[in-house]
Amino acid sequence: MSWWMVAGAVVSGIGAIQAGKARAAEARAQAAQLEEQKKDAEVTAMQEHNIRMANLNKLLSVNNSIQGIMGRDEDRSLKAIKEKARSEADVAEGRARLQYISEQSQRNMSIGIANMQARNARRAGTITAVSSLLTAGHQYSKIAPGTGSPMTMRQVGYGSRSYIT
């Protein structure tokens, strides 16, 4: 086998492996970025929840203050305002929670896909490297005598000399 052929196959194989590793590292970085986005989204969802609860508490406090100023223990209109505020807060909280869960599910799926891409990139690099080496071996078998298909020996003329045909 020619040294150039060997060197070419080895360099090609190493290049394919390195390319696969680079693509895998890129996919792992994307997965890590998505993990960070997931954590950030959790913090944001908690902050928004706290803001909604603070707004509800302010409304209820104002309602209680008005109730105290009016001198009535339980006015029906003030009670209705409290119940409506709590009901709307529960609906808003439920919607926000559902949105958060949906977004986190999408992020989890994206993380899984990025990790799968990393594994596939490594495998593709390895397969390409092996393919390169096998191709070089096959090419060598075509040009090297006695390594490819069996050739017939034919005796020509007189004497003990034979020629490969």
N, C-alpha and C. Protein backbone atom coordinates (compact mmCIF):
# COMPACT_ATOMS: atom_id res chain seq x y z
N MET A 1 0.85 -1.18 0.00
CA MET A 1 0.00 0.00 0.00
C MET A 1 0.90 1.23 0.00
N SER A 2 0.56 2.16 -0.80
CA SER A 2 1.32 3.39 -0.89
C SER A 2 1.21 4.17 0.41
N TRP A 3 2.33 4.76 0.81
CA TRP A 3 2.31 5.56 2.04
C TRP A 3 1.38 6.76 1.90
N TRP A 4 1.26 7.29 0.70
CA TRP A 4 0.37 8.42 0.48
C TRP A 4 -1.08 8.01 0.68
N MET A 5 -1.39 6.79 0.25
CA MET A 5 -2.75 6.29 0.40
C MET A 5 -3.07 6.08 1.88
N VAL A 6 -2.09 5.51 2.60
CA VAL A 6 -2.27 5.29 4.05
C VAL A 6 -2.44 6.63 4.76
N ALA A 7 -1.55 7.56 4.45
CA ALA A 7 -1.60 8.87 5.10
C ALA A 7 -2.92 9.57 4.79
N GLY A 8 -3.35 9.51 3.55
CA GLY A 8 -4.62 10.13 3.17
C GLY A 8 -5.80 9.54 3.92
N ALA A 9 -5.83 8.23 4.04
CA ALA A 9 -6.92 7.56 4.75
C ALA A 9 -6.91 7.91 6.23
N VAL A 10 -5.72 7.93 6.83
CA VAL A 10 -5.62 8.25 8.26
C VAL A 10 -6.03 9.69 8.52
N VAL A 11 -5.52 10.60 7.69
CA VAL A 11 -5.88 12.02 7.88
C VAL A 11 -7.38 12.22 7.68
N SER A 12 -7.93 11.58 6.66
CA SER A 12 -9.36 11.68 6.43
C SER A 12 -10.15 11.12 7.61
N GLY A 13 -9.71 10.00 8.14
CA GLY A 13 -10.38 9.39 9.30
C GLY A 13 -10.30 10.27 10.53
N ILE A 14 -9.12 10.81 10.79
CA ILE A 14 -8.96 11.70 11.95
C ILE A 14 -9.82 12.95 11.78
N GLY A 15 -9.83 13.48 10.57
CA GLY A 15 -10.66 14.65 10.30
C GLY A 15 -12.13 14.38 10.54
N ALA A 16 -12.60 13.23 10.11
CA ALA A 16 -14.01 12.87 10.31
C ALA A 16 -14.33 12.73 11.78
N ILE A 17 -13.43 12.11 12.53
CA ILE A 17 -13.65 11.96 13.98
C ILE A 17 -13.67 13.32 14.66
N GLN A 18 -12.73 14.19 14.29
CA GLN A 18 -12.68 15.52 14.89
C GLN A 18 -13.93 16.34 14.53
N ALA A 19 -14.37 16.22 13.29
CA ALA A 19 -15.58 16.93 12.89
C ALA A 19 -16.79 16.44 13.68
N GLY A 20 -16.87 15.13 13.89
CA GLY A 20 -17.95 14.57 14.69
C GLY A 20 -17.90 15.06 16.13
N LYS A 21 -16.69 15.12 16.69
CA LYS A 21 -16.54 15.62 18.06
C LYS A 21 -16.94 17.09 18.14
N ALA A 22 -16.57 17.86 17.13
CA ALA A 22 -16.91 19.29 17.13
C ALA A 22 -18.43 19.48 17.05
N ARG A 23 -19.09 18.72 16.18
CA ARG A 23 -20.54 18.82 16.08
C ARG A 23 -21.21 18.36 17.38
N ALA A 24 -20.64 17.34 18.01
CA ALA A 24 -21.19 16.86 19.27
C ALA A 24 -21.02 17.91 20.37
N ALA A 25 -19.86 18.57 20.40
CA ALA A 25 -19.63 19.62 21.40
C ALA A 25 -20.60 20.78 21.19
N GLU A 26 -20.84 21.10 19.94
CA GLU A 26 -21.79 22.17 19.62
C GLU A 26 -23.20 21.82 20.10
N ALA A 27 -23.60 20.58 19.89
CA ALA A 27 -24.93 20.14 20.32
C ALA A 27 -25.02 20.11 21.85
N ARG A 28 -23.93 19.69 22.51
CA ARG A 28 -23.93 19.70 23.98
C ARG A 28 -24.03 21.13 24.51
N ALA A 29 -23.36 22.06 23.85
CA ALA A 29 -23.43 23.47 24.27
C ALA A 29 -24.85 23.99 24.10
N GLN A 30 -25.51 23.58 23.03
CA GLN A 30 -26.89 24.00 22.82
C GLN A 30 -27.79 23.43 23.91
N ALA A 31 -27.56 22.18 24.30
CA ALA A 31 -28.33 21.56 25.38
C ALA A 31 -28.10 22.30 26.69
N ALA A 32 -26.86 22.68 26.96
CA ALA A 32 -26.56 23.43 28.19
C ALA A 32 -27.24 24.80 28.18
N GLN A 33 -27.26 25.43 27.01
CA GLN A 33 -27.92 26.73 26.89
C GLN A 33 -29.42 26.58 27.16
N LEU A 34 -30.02 25.53 26.65
CA LEU A 34 -31.44 25.28 26.89
C LEU A 34 -31.72 25.00 28.36
N GLU A 35 -30.79 24.30 29.02
CA GLU A 35 -30.94 24.06 30.47
C GLU A 35 -30.95 25.38 31.23
N GLU A 36 -30.07 26.30 30.84
CA GLU A 36 -30.02 27.61 31.49
C GLU A 36 -31.31 28.38 31.24
N GLN A 37 -31.83 28.31 30.01
CA GLN A 37 -33.09 28.97 29.70
C GLN A 37 -34.22 28.39 30.55
N LYS A 38 -34.15 27.10 30.79
CA LYS A 38 -35.17 26.44 31.60
C LYS A 38 -35.12 26.97 33.04
N LYS A 39 -33.92 27.11 33.58
CA LYS A 39 -33.77 27.65 34.93
C LYS A 39 -34.23 29.10 35.00
N ASP A 40 -33.87 29.88 33.99
CA ASP A 40 -34.29 31.28 33.95
C ASP A 40 -35.81 31.40 33.89
N ALA A 41 -36.43 30.53 33.11
CA ALA A 41 -37.88 30.55 32.98
C ALA A 41 -38.55 30.22 34.32
N GLU A 42 -37.93 29.34 35.07
CA GLU A 42 -38.49 28.99 36.39
C GLU A 42 -38.45 30.20 37.32
N VAL A 43 -37.33 30.91 37.30
CA VAL A 43 -37.21 32.11 38.14
C VAL A 43 -38.21 33.18 37.69
N THR A 44 -38.33 33.36 36.38
CA THR A 44 -39.27 34.36 35.85
C THR A 44 -40.71 34.01 36.23
N ALA A 45 -41.06 32.74 36.12
CA ALA A 45 -42.42 32.31 36.48
C ALA A 45 -42.69 32.57 37.96
N MET A 46 -41.69 32.32 38.80
CA MET A 46 -41.87 32.58 40.23
C MET A 46 -42.02 34.08 40.51
N GLN A 47 -41.24 34.90 39.82
CA GLN A 47 -41.35 36.35 40.00
C GLN A 47 -42.73 36.85 39.56
N GLU A 48 -43.21 36.37 38.42
CA GLU A 48 -44.53 36.78 37.95
C GLU A 48 -45.62 36.32 38.91
N HIS A 49 -45.48 35.14 39.47
CA HIS A 49 -46.43 34.65 40.47
C HIS A 49 -46.44 35.58 41.68
N ASN A 50 -45.25 35.94 42.14
CA ASN A 50 -45.17 36.83 43.30
C ASN A 50 -45.80 38.19 43.03
N ILE A 51 -45.63 38.70 41.81
CA ILE A 51 -46.24 39.99 41.44
C ILE A 51 -47.77 39.86 41.44
N ARG A 52 -48.29 38.77 40.87
CA ARG A 52 -49.74 38.58 40.87
C ARG A 52 -50.29 38.47 42.28
N MET A 53 -49.61 37.75 43.14
CA MET A 53 -50.07 37.60 44.52
C MET A 53 -49.98 38.92 45.28
N ALA A 54 -48.95 39.71 45.03
CA ALA A 54 -48.81 41.02 45.67
C ALA A 54 -49.94 41.94 45.23
N ASN A 55 -50.28 41.91 43.94
CA ASN A 55 -51.39 42.73 43.45
C ASN A 55 -52.71 42.31 44.07
N LEU A 56 -52.92 41.02 44.18
CA LEU A 56 -54.14 40.53 44.82
C LEU A 56 -54.19 40.97 46.28
N ASN A 57 -53.09 40.84 46.98
CA ASN A 57 -53.06 41.25 48.39
C ASN A 57 -53.32 42.75 48.55
N LYS A 58 -52.79 43.56 47.64
CA LYS A 58 -53.05 45.01 47.69
C LYS A 58 -54.53 45.29 47.50
N LEU A 59 -55.13 44.62 46.51
CA LEU A 59 -56.56 44.82 46.27
C LEU A 59 -57.38 44.42 47.49
N LEU A 60 -57.05 43.28 48.07
CA LEU A 60 -57.79 42.83 49.26
C LEU A 60 -57.56 43.76 50.45
N SER A 61 -56.36 44.30 50.57
CA SER A 61 -56.08 45.25 51.65
C SER A 61 -56.88 46.53 51.47
N VAL A 62 -56.93 47.01 50.25
CA VAL A 62 -57.74 48.22 49.98
C VAL A 62 -59.20 47.93 50.28
N ASN A 63 -59.65 46.78 49.87
CA ASN A 63 -61.04 46.39 50.13
C ASN A 63 -61.30 46.34 51.63
N ASN A 64 -60.37 45.76 52.39
CA ASN A 64 -60.53 45.71 53.85
C ASN A 64 -60.51 47.11 54.47
N SER A 65 -59.68 47.99 53.92
CA SER A 65 -59.63 49.37 54.44
C SER A 65 -60.96 50.07 54.19
N ILE A 66 -61.51 49.91 53.01
CA ILE A 66 -62.79 50.54 52.69
C ILE A 66 -63.87 49.97 53.60
N GLN A 67 -63.81 48.69 53.84
CA GLN A 67 -64.78 48.04 54.71
C GLN A 67 -64.68 48.61 56.12
N GLY A 68 -63.44 48.84 56.59
CA GLY A 68 -63.25 49.41 57.93
C GLY A 68 -63.75 50.83 58.01
N ILE A 69 -63.54 51.61 56.96
CA ILE A 69 -63.99 53.00 56.97
C ILE A 69 -65.51 53.07 56.94
N MET A 70 -66.14 52.16 56.20
CA MET A 70 -67.59 52.16 56.10
C MET A 70 -68.24 51.69 57.40
N GLY A 71 -67.49 50.98 58.23
CA GLY A 71 -68.01 50.52 59.51
C GLY A 71 -68.91 49.32 59.40
N ARG A 72 -68.83 48.61 58.31
CA ARG A 72 -69.66 47.42 58.16
C ARG A 72 -68.76 46.20 58.22
N ASP A 73 -69.27 45.19 58.87
CA ASP A 73 -68.48 43.97 58.96
C ASP A 73 -68.36 43.28 57.61
N GLU A 74 -69.46 43.05 56.98
CA GLU A 74 -69.40 42.32 55.71
C GLU A 74 -70.46 42.89 54.77
N ASP A 75 -70.04 43.81 53.97
CA ASP A 75 -70.92 44.39 52.96
C ASP A 75 -70.93 43.45 51.75
N ARG A 76 -72.11 43.23 51.15
CA ARG A 76 -72.22 42.28 50.04
C ARG A 76 -71.41 42.72 48.82
N SER A 77 -71.40 44.02 48.55
CA SER A 77 -70.65 44.47 47.37
C SER A 77 -69.15 44.32 47.59
N LEU A 78 -68.67 44.57 48.79
CA LEU A 78 -67.24 44.39 49.08
C LEU A 78 -66.87 42.91 49.07
N LYS A 79 -67.78 42.09 49.57
CA LYS A 79 -67.55 40.64 49.54
C LYS A 79 -67.50 40.15 48.09
N ALA A 80 -68.37 40.67 47.24
CA ALA A 80 -68.39 40.28 45.83
C ALA A 80 -67.09 40.71 45.15
N ILE A 81 -66.59 41.88 45.49
CA ILE A 81 -65.32 42.35 44.91
C ILE A 81 -64.18 41.42 45.31
N LYS A 82 -64.16 41.02 46.59
CA LYS A 82 -63.11 40.09 47.06
C LYS A 82 -63.18 38.76 46.33
N GLU A 83 -64.40 38.24 46.24
CA GLU A 83 -64.56 36.93 45.57
C GLU A 83 -64.17 37.02 44.10
N LYS A 84 -64.57 38.10 43.43
CA LYS A 84 -64.23 38.27 42.02
C LYS A 84 -62.71 38.40 41.85
N ALA A 85 -62.06 39.14 42.73
CA ALA A 85 -60.60 39.31 42.65
C ALA A 85 -59.89 37.98 42.86
N ARG A 86 -60.35 37.22 43.84
CA ARG A 86 -59.74 35.91 44.08
C ARG A 86 -59.96 34.96 42.91
N SER A 87 -61.17 34.99 42.35
CA SER A 87 -61.49 34.14 41.21
C SER A 87 -60.62 34.49 40.01
N GLU A 88 -60.50 35.78 39.71
CA GLU A 88 -59.66 36.20 38.58
C GLU A 88 -58.18 35.86 38.83
N ALA A 89 -57.75 35.99 40.07
CA ALA A 89 -56.35 35.65 40.40
C ALA A 89 -56.11 34.15 40.21
N ASP A 90 -57.09 33.33 40.60
CA ASP A 90 -56.95 31.88 40.42
C ASP A 90 -56.89 31.52 38.93
N VAL A 91 -57.74 32.15 38.13
CA VAL A 91 -57.74 31.88 36.69
C VAL A 91 -56.41 32.30 36.07
N ALA A 92 -55.94 33.49 36.42
CA ALA A 92 -54.66 33.98 35.88
C ALA A 92 -53.52 33.08 36.32
N GLU A 93 -53.56 32.65 37.56
CA GLU A 93 -52.51 31.76 38.07
C GLU A 93 -52.52 30.42 37.34
N GLY A 94 -53.71 29.88 37.09
CA GLY A 94 -53.83 28.62 36.37
C GLY A 94 -53.31 28.73 34.94
N ARG A 95 -53.65 29.83 34.28
CA ARG A 95 -53.16 30.03 32.91
C ARG A 95 -51.65 30.18 32.87
N ALA A 96 -51.12 30.95 33.81
CA ALA A 96 -49.67 31.15 33.85
C ALA A 96 -48.96 29.83 34.14
N ARG A 97 -49.51 29.03 35.01
CA ARG A 97 -48.92 27.74 35.35
C ARG A 97 -48.93 26.80 34.14
N LEU A 98 -50.04 26.78 33.43
CA LEU A 98 -50.15 25.94 32.24
C LEU A 98 -49.15 26.39 31.17
N GLN A 99 -49.03 27.70 30.98
CA GLN A 99 -48.06 28.24 30.01
C GLN A 99 -46.64 27.85 30.41
N TYR A 100 -46.32 27.97 31.69
CA TYR A 100 -44.99 27.61 32.19
C TYR A 100 -44.70 26.13 31.94
N ILE A 101 -45.65 25.27 32.26
CA ILE A 101 -45.45 23.84 32.07
C ILE A 101 -45.27 23.51 30.59
N SER A 102 -46.05 24.15 29.73
CA SER A 102 -45.93 23.93 28.29
C SER A 102 -44.55 24.35 27.77
N GLU A 103 -44.08 25.51 28.19
CA GLU A 103 -42.78 25.99 27.76
C GLU A 103 -41.65 25.10 28.28
N GLN A 104 -41.76 24.65 29.52
CA GLN A 104 -40.73 23.77 30.07
C GLN A 104 -40.72 22.43 29.33
N SER A 105 -41.89 21.96 28.94
CA SER A 105 -41.96 20.71 28.18
C SER A 105 -41.25 20.88 26.83
N GLN A 106 -41.48 22.01 26.17
CA GLN A 106 -40.79 22.28 24.90
C GLN A 106 -39.28 22.34 25.11
N ARG A 107 -38.84 22.96 26.19
CA ARG A 107 -37.40 23.04 26.47
C ARG A 107 -36.82 21.66 26.73
N ASN A 108 -37.54 20.84 27.48
CA ASN A 108 -37.07 19.47 27.73
C ASN A 108 -36.92 18.69 26.43
N MET A 109 -37.88 18.85 25.54
CA MET A 109 -37.81 18.16 24.25
C MET A 109 -36.61 18.66 23.45
N SER A 110 -36.39 19.96 23.45
CA SER A 110 -35.25 20.53 22.72
C SER A 110 -33.92 20.05 23.30
N ILE A 111 -33.86 19.92 24.61
CA ILE A 111 -32.64 19.41 25.26
C ILE A 111 -32.40 17.97 24.83
N GLY A 112 -33.45 17.17 24.82
CA GLY A 112 -33.32 15.78 24.38
C GLY A 112 -32.85 15.68 22.94
N ILE A 113 -33.40 16.53 22.08
CA ILE A 113 -32.99 16.53 20.67
C ILE A 113 -31.54 16.94 20.53
N ALA A 114 -31.12 17.96 21.28
CA ALA A 114 -29.72 18.41 21.20
C ALA A 114 -28.77 17.31 21.68
N ASN A 115 -29.14 16.61 22.73
CA ASN A 115 -28.29 15.51 23.21
C ASN A 115 -28.25 14.37 22.19
N MET A 116 -29.37 14.10 21.53
CA MET A 116 -29.40 13.08 20.50
C MET A 116 -28.52 13.49 19.32
N GLN A 117 -28.56 14.77 18.95
CA GLN A 117 -27.72 15.24 17.87
C GLN A 117 -26.24 15.09 18.22
N ALA A 118 -25.90 15.30 19.48
CA ALA A 118 -24.51 15.13 19.91
C ALA A 118 -24.06 13.68 19.74
N ARG A 119 -24.89 12.75 20.19
CA ARG A 119 -24.55 11.33 20.05
C ARG A 119 -24.45 10.94 18.57
N ASN A 120 -25.40 11.41 17.78
CA ASN A 120 -25.39 11.07 16.35
C ASN A 120 -24.19 11.66 15.64
N ALA A 121 -23.77 12.86 16.01
CA ALA A 121 -22.61 13.48 15.37
C ALA A 121 -21.35 12.68 15.66
N ARG A 122 -21.20 12.23 16.91
CA ARG A 122 -20.04 11.39 17.24
C ARG A 122 -20.06 10.09 16.45
N ARG A 123 -21.22 9.46 16.38
CA ARG A 123 -21.33 8.20 15.63
C ARG A 123 -21.03 8.42 14.14
N ALA A 124 -21.57 9.50 13.59
CA ALA A 124 -21.34 9.78 12.17
C ALA A 124 -19.86 10.00 11.90
N GLY A 125 -19.17 10.69 12.80
CA GLY A 125 -17.73 10.89 12.63
C GLY A 125 -16.97 9.58 12.64
N THR A 126 -17.33 8.71 13.56
CA THR A 126 -16.66 7.41 13.65
C THR A 126 -16.95 6.56 12.40
N ILE A 127 -18.20 6.56 11.97
CA ILE A 127 -18.56 5.77 10.79
C ILE A 127 -17.84 6.31 9.55
N THR A 128 -17.77 7.62 9.43
CA THR A 128 -17.07 8.22 8.29
C THR A 128 -15.58 7.86 8.31
N ALA A 129 -14.98 7.87 9.50
CA ALA A 129 -13.57 7.52 9.62
C ALA A 129 -13.34 6.07 9.21
N VAL A 130 -14.17 5.16 9.70
CA VAL A 130 -14.03 3.74 9.34
C VAL A 130 -14.26 3.56 7.84
N SER A 131 -15.24 4.26 7.31
CA SER A 131 -15.52 4.18 5.88
C SER A 131 -14.33 4.66 5.06
N SER A 132 -13.68 5.71 5.52
CA SER A 132 -12.51 6.23 4.81
C SER A 132 -11.38 5.20 4.78
N LEU A 133 -11.15 4.55 5.90
CA LEU A 133 -10.10 3.52 5.96
C LEU A 133 -10.45 2.31 5.09
N LEU A 134 -11.71 1.91 5.12
CA LEU A 134 -12.13 0.77 4.30
C LEU A 134 -12.05 1.11 2.81
N THR A 135 -12.40 2.34 2.47
CA THR A 135 -12.30 2.76 1.07
C THR A 135 -10.85 2.74 0.61
N ALA A 136 -9.95 3.21 1.45
CA ALA A 136 -8.54 3.19 1.09
C ALA A 136 -8.06 1.75 0.90
N GLY A 137 -8.48 0.85 1.78
CA GLY A 137 -8.12 -0.56 1.65
C GLY A 137 -8.66 -1.15 0.35
N HIS A 138 -9.88 -0.79 0.02
CA HIS A 138 -10.48 -1.29 -1.22
C HIS A 138 -9.73 -0.73 -2.44
N GLN A 139 -9.41 0.54 -2.41
CA GLN A 139 -8.67 1.14 -3.52
C GLN A 139 -7.30 0.47 -3.68
N TYR A 140 -6.66 0.17 -2.56
CA TYR A 140 -5.36 -0.50 -2.61
C TYR A 140 -5.51 -1.88 -3.23
N SER A 141 -6.59 -2.57 -2.85
CA SER A 141 -6.76 -3.93 -3.38
C SER A 141 -6.93 -3.92 -4.90
N LYS A 142 -7.38 -2.81 -5.45
CA LYS A 142 -7.55 -2.73 -6.90
C LYS A 142 -6.22 -2.56 -7.62
N ILE A 143 -5.26 -1.91 -6.94
CA ILE A 143 -4.00 -1.62 -7.63
C ILE A 143 -2.85 -2.53 -7.25
N ALA A 144 -2.95 -3.23 -6.15
CA ALA A 144 -1.86 -4.10 -5.70
C ALA A 144 -2.05 -5.51 -6.26
N PRO A 145 -0.99 -6.09 -6.81
CA PRO A 145 -1.12 -7.45 -7.33
C PRO A 145 -1.26 -8.46 -6.20
N GLY A 146 -2.11 -9.43 -6.41
CA GLY A 146 -2.26 -10.51 -5.45
C GLY A 146 -3.16 -10.18 -4.27
N THR A 147 -3.76 -8.97 -4.22
CA THR A 147 -4.62 -8.64 -3.08
C THR A 147 -6.07 -8.52 -3.48
N GLY A 148 -6.32 -8.42 -4.77
CA GLY A 148 -7.69 -8.26 -5.24
C GLY A 148 -8.28 -9.59 -5.62
N SER A 149 -8.95 -9.61 -6.74
CA SER A 149 -9.54 -10.85 -7.21
C SER A 149 -8.43 -11.76 -7.73
N PRO A 150 -8.63 -13.06 -7.62
CA PRO A 150 -7.57 -13.97 -8.08
C PRO A 150 -7.36 -13.82 -9.59
N MET A 151 -6.09 -13.70 -9.97
CA MET A 151 -5.74 -13.56 -11.38
C MET A 151 -5.25 -14.92 -11.87
N THR A 152 -5.47 -15.15 -13.12
CA THR A 152 -5.06 -16.43 -13.67
C THR A 152 -3.63 -16.34 -14.17
N MET A 153 -2.93 -17.41 -14.00
CA MET A 153 -1.56 -17.50 -14.50
C MET A 153 -1.63 -18.23 -15.85
N ARG A 154 -0.97 -17.70 -16.82
CA ARG A 154 -1.00 -18.30 -18.14
C ARG A 154 0.44 -18.58 -18.57
N GLN A 155 0.63 -19.75 -19.03
CA GLN A 155 1.97 -20.12 -19.47
C GLN A 155 2.09 -19.77 -20.95
N VAL A 156 3.15 -19.00 -21.23
CA VAL A 156 3.35 -18.54 -22.60
C VAL A 156 4.69 -19.07 -23.08
N GLY A 157 4.69 -19.64 -24.23
CA GLY A 157 5.93 -20.07 -24.84
C GLY A 157 6.54 -21.28 -24.15
N TYR A 158 7.86 -21.43 -24.33
CA TYR A 158 8.56 -22.58 -23.78
C TYR A 158 9.25 -22.16 -22.50
N GLY A 159 9.43 -23.01 -21.66
CA GLY A 159 10.18 -22.74 -20.44
C GLY A 159 9.30 -22.64 -19.23
N SER A 160 9.87 -22.10 -18.20
CA SER A 160 9.17 -22.07 -16.91
C SER A 160 8.64 -20.68 -16.57
N ARG A 161 8.54 -19.79 -17.49
CA ARG A 161 8.02 -18.44 -17.19
C ARG A 161 6.51 -18.38 -17.39
N SER A 162 5.86 -17.71 -16.45
CA SER A 162 4.41 -17.53 -16.56
C SER A 162 4.13 -16.03 -16.45
N TYR A 163 3.03 -15.63 -16.99
CA TYR A 163 2.66 -14.22 -16.97
C TYR A 163 1.24 -14.09 -16.41
N ILE A 164 1.06 -13.05 -15.61
CA ILE A 164 -0.28 -12.79 -15.05
C ILE A 164 -1.10 -12.05 -16.09
N THR A 165 -2.30 -12.57 -16.33
CA THR A 165 -3.17 -11.91 -17.30
C THR A 165 -4.49 -11.56 -16.69
